[in-house]
C-alpha cells in the first residue's frame, strides 16, 4: 500500500505520530493509540511504501498536549522525512479543498485506490469513482499549494526553535 495523506487538525498523520500525541488525540484511548504506533512499523521495513504527508501550516502551531510533546512530535516528523516519506507544508493562506478535514488516499498493490476521510462522528472508507475523483482534485490542489520538501522541513525546524523549545 502506498498511502498519501493530508492532515489538518491533528498531530500529523497517524503513521508519524509519537505515542503521547496519539493517545492525547484519541482522548487517552491506550489501545487505539498503541495500534497507531504499531502501524508505523511498515515505514521501517526494508522496502517501505511511499508516503506523502501534506500538513496545514497552522497544525505546526496548534498545541496538543504540551510544549515537550509538540517538540517531540515535530522532531519525529523531521526524522521520518527522507527517501520514502515526503513531508510538505501547505501555507495558511485562504480557502482550499483541504480545509474540509483530514483524509488519506491509499494506492493498493493492484493500483486501485481507496480514500479514508474523518469526521467528528467516525471515519469512512470510500472507493466510489466520484469520491476518488473529488479527493484527487483536492490532493492536486494541495500539492500545488504546498512548499517544497526542503522548505517545509526548514519551516518545521524553525517552528520547533521559535515556538516549542
Foldseek 3Di string as FASTA:
>chain_A
DAKEKEFEAALWPLLQADLVRLCQVVVNPNVRSVVSPVVVVLLVDPDHHAYEYEYEVVSLVDDGPALVRSLVSLVSVLVSDDDRYFYWYQYPDDDAPPVVGIKMWDQDPVRQIWMWTADPVGIDIDRDPVVVVVVVVRVVVSVVRIDGRVVRNVSSVVSCVPPRD
